[in-house]
Amino acid sequence: MQLHIQNMTCGGCARGVTKAVESVDPQAQVKVDLQKRNIDFASSQPASAFVAALSAAGYTAVASA
């Protein structure tokens, strides 16, 4: 699954985003591309659960192809 995090701009943001994803699926292996503001991970949970968790953490996430 890939999500675009519009307001992820620094390493601190990347850590916060990773924590939010892991709060939904602790087994998710998150790969962060800070330059493109994308995260990649595999999970059986729906994208909407991650978007909601990221929103609660203050990040704007959009599912991307």
N, C-alpha and C. Protein backbone atom coordinates (compact mmCIF):
# COMPACT_ATOMS: atom_id res chain seq x y z
N MET A 1 0.85 -1.17 0.00
CA MET A 1 0.00 0.00 0.00
C MET A 1 0.90 1.23 0.00
N GLN A 2 0.50 2.24 -0.72
CA GLN A 2 1.26 3.48 -0.75
C GLN A 2 0.34 4.63 -0.40
N LEU A 3 0.82 5.49 0.49
CA LEU A 3 0.08 6.69 0.86
C LEU A 3 0.97 7.90 0.65
N HIS A 4 0.38 8.98 0.18
CA HIS A 4 1.07 10.26 0.04
C HIS A 4 0.71 11.09 1.27
N ILE A 5 1.72 11.54 2.00
CA ILE A 5 1.52 12.34 3.21
C ILE A 5 1.89 13.77 2.87
N GLN A 6 0.88 14.60 2.62
CA GLN A 6 1.11 15.94 2.10
C GLN A 6 1.95 16.81 3.02
N ASN A 7 1.80 16.66 4.33
CA ASN A 7 2.52 17.55 5.24
C ASN A 7 3.65 16.85 6.00
N MET A 8 4.25 15.82 5.41
CA MET A 8 5.41 15.15 5.99
C MET A 8 6.66 15.81 5.39
N THR A 9 7.34 16.61 6.20
CA THR A 9 8.44 17.42 5.67
C THR A 9 9.79 17.18 6.31
N CYS A 10 9.86 16.37 7.38
CA CYS A 10 11.13 16.20 8.08
C CYS A 10 11.21 14.81 8.71
N GLY A 11 12.35 14.51 9.30
CA GLY A 11 12.54 13.23 9.95
C GLY A 11 11.59 13.02 11.12
N GLY A 12 11.29 14.08 11.84
CA GLY A 12 10.34 13.98 12.95
C GLY A 12 8.96 13.60 12.45
N CYS A 13 8.57 14.19 11.33
CA CYS A 13 7.28 13.83 10.71
C CYS A 13 7.29 12.37 10.29
N ALA A 14 8.39 11.93 9.71
CA ALA A 14 8.49 10.54 9.25
C ALA A 14 8.33 9.58 10.43
N ARG A 15 8.92 9.91 11.58
CA ARG A 15 8.76 9.06 12.76
C ARG A 15 7.31 9.06 13.25
N GLY A 16 6.67 10.24 13.23
CA GLY A 16 5.27 10.33 13.65
C GLY A 16 4.35 9.54 12.74
N VAL A 17 4.61 9.62 11.45
CA VAL A 17 3.82 8.88 10.46
C VAL A 17 4.00 7.38 10.67
N THR A 18 5.24 6.96 10.89
CA THR A 18 5.52 5.54 11.12
C THR A 18 4.79 5.04 12.36
N LYS A 19 4.81 5.82 13.43
CA LYS A 19 4.11 5.44 14.67
C LYS A 19 2.61 5.31 14.43
N ALA A 20 2.05 6.24 13.64
CA ALA A 20 0.61 6.19 13.36
C ALA A 20 0.25 4.93 12.58
N VAL A 21 1.06 4.58 11.59
CA VAL A 21 0.82 3.36 10.81
C VAL A 21 0.92 2.14 11.71
N GLU A 22 1.95 2.11 12.55
CA GLU A 22 2.16 0.96 13.44
C GLU A 22 1.07 0.86 14.51
N SER A 23 0.38 1.96 14.80
CA SER A 23 -0.73 1.89 15.76
C SER A 23 -1.91 1.11 15.20
N VAL A 24 -2.03 1.08 13.87
CA VAL A 24 -3.09 0.31 13.21
C VAL A 24 -2.62 -1.13 12.97
N ASP A 25 -1.38 -1.27 12.52
CA ASP A 25 -0.82 -2.60 12.24
C ASP A 25 0.63 -2.64 12.73
N PRO A 26 0.84 -3.17 13.94
CA PRO A 26 2.19 -3.21 14.51
C PRO A 26 3.20 -4.00 13.67
N GLN A 27 2.72 -4.86 12.79
CA GLN A 27 3.61 -5.67 11.95
C GLN A 27 4.01 -4.97 10.65
N ALA A 28 3.44 -3.82 10.37
CA ALA A 28 3.73 -3.11 9.12
C ALA A 28 5.19 -2.67 9.10
N GLN A 29 5.85 -2.93 7.99
CA GLN A 29 7.22 -2.48 7.76
C GLN A 29 7.13 -1.24 6.87
N VAL A 30 7.27 -0.08 7.47
CA VAL A 30 7.05 1.18 6.77
C VAL A 30 8.33 1.65 6.10
N LYS A 31 8.24 1.96 4.82
CA LYS A 31 9.35 2.56 4.07
C LYS A 31 8.93 3.99 3.75
N VAL A 32 9.77 4.94 4.15
CA VAL A 32 9.45 6.36 3.99
C VAL A 32 10.30 6.95 2.87
N ASP A 33 9.67 7.67 1.96
CA ASP A 33 10.37 8.47 0.96
C ASP A 33 10.04 9.92 1.27
N LEU A 34 10.90 10.54 2.06
CA LEU A 34 10.63 11.89 2.54
C LEU A 34 10.59 12.90 1.39
N GLN A 35 11.46 12.73 0.40
CA GLN A 35 11.51 13.66 -0.72
C GLN A 35 10.19 13.67 -1.50
N LYS A 36 9.62 12.49 -1.73
CA LYS A 36 8.35 12.40 -2.46
C LYS A 36 7.14 12.49 -1.52
N ARG A 37 7.41 12.45 -0.21
CA ARG A 37 6.36 12.48 0.82
C ARG A 37 5.43 11.27 0.72
N ASN A 38 6.01 10.12 0.41
CA ASN A 38 5.25 8.87 0.30
C ASN A 38 5.70 7.88 1.36
N ILE A 39 4.79 7.01 1.75
CA ILE A 39 5.15 5.85 2.56
C ILE A 39 4.63 4.61 1.86
N ASP A 40 5.37 3.53 2.01
CA ASP A 40 5.02 2.23 1.42
C ASP A 40 5.01 1.20 2.53
N PHE A 41 4.03 0.34 2.55
CA PHE A 41 3.97 -0.74 3.54
C PHE A 41 2.95 -1.77 3.09
N ALA A 42 3.06 -2.97 3.64
CA ALA A 42 2.10 -4.03 3.36
C ALA A 42 1.26 -4.27 4.60
N SER A 43 -0.05 -4.40 4.42
CA SER A 43 -0.95 -4.67 5.53
C SER A 43 -2.26 -5.21 5.00
N SER A 44 -2.91 -6.02 5.82
CA SER A 44 -4.23 -6.53 5.46
C SER A 44 -5.33 -5.57 5.91
N GLN A 45 -4.97 -4.54 6.65
CA GLN A 45 -5.94 -3.54 7.11
C GLN A 45 -6.32 -2.61 5.95
N PRO A 46 -7.52 -2.06 5.96
CA PRO A 46 -7.94 -1.16 4.88
C PRO A 46 -7.21 0.18 4.94
N ALA A 47 -7.00 0.77 3.78
CA ALA A 47 -6.33 2.07 3.70
C ALA A 47 -7.03 3.11 4.55
N SER A 48 -8.36 3.03 4.63
CA SER A 48 -9.11 4.03 5.40
C SER A 48 -8.71 4.04 6.87
N ALA A 49 -8.32 2.88 7.42
CA ALA A 49 -7.90 2.82 8.82
C ALA A 49 -6.60 3.60 9.02
N PHE A 50 -5.71 3.51 8.04
CA PHE A 50 -4.44 4.23 8.14
C PHE A 50 -4.64 5.73 7.92
N VAL A 51 -5.49 6.08 6.97
CA VAL A 51 -5.78 7.50 6.73
C VAL A 51 -6.38 8.13 7.99
N ALA A 52 -7.28 7.41 8.66
CA ALA A 52 -7.89 7.92 9.89
C ALA A 52 -6.86 8.08 11.00
N ALA A 53 -5.97 7.09 11.17
CA ALA A 53 -4.94 7.17 12.21
C ALA A 53 -3.97 8.31 11.93
N LEU A 54 -3.61 8.48 10.68
CA LEU A 54 -2.71 9.57 10.31
C LEU A 54 -3.37 10.92 10.52
N SER A 55 -4.64 11.02 10.18
CA SER A 55 -5.39 12.25 10.39
C SER A 55 -5.44 12.60 11.88
N ALA A 56 -5.68 11.61 12.72
CA ALA A 56 -5.72 11.83 14.17
C ALA A 56 -4.36 12.30 14.69
N ALA A 57 -3.28 11.89 14.01
CA ALA A 57 -1.93 12.30 14.41
C ALA A 57 -1.53 13.64 13.79
N GLY A 58 -2.42 14.21 12.97
CA GLY A 58 -2.16 15.54 12.40
C GLY A 58 -1.59 15.54 10.99
N TYR A 59 -1.65 14.40 10.31
CA TYR A 59 -1.10 14.30 8.96
C TYR A 59 -2.21 14.11 7.94
N THR A 60 -2.02 14.69 6.76
CA THR A 60 -2.97 14.57 5.67
C THR A 60 -2.48 13.48 4.73
N ALA A 61 -3.20 12.37 4.68
CA ALA A 61 -2.79 11.22 3.86
C ALA A 61 -3.79 10.98 2.74
N VAL A 62 -3.25 10.63 1.58
CA VAL A 62 -4.06 10.31 0.42
C VAL A 62 -3.53 9.00 -0.17
N ALA A 63 -4.41 8.04 -0.39
CA ALA A 63 -3.99 6.78 -1.01
C ALA A 63 -3.55 7.05 -2.44
N SER A 64 -2.43 6.44 -2.83
CA SER A 64 -1.94 6.62 -4.19
C SER A 64 -1.73 5.26 -4.83
N ALA A 65 -1.61 5.26 -6.14
CA ALA A 65 -1.49 4.01 -6.89
C ALA A 65 -0.13 3.38 -6.73
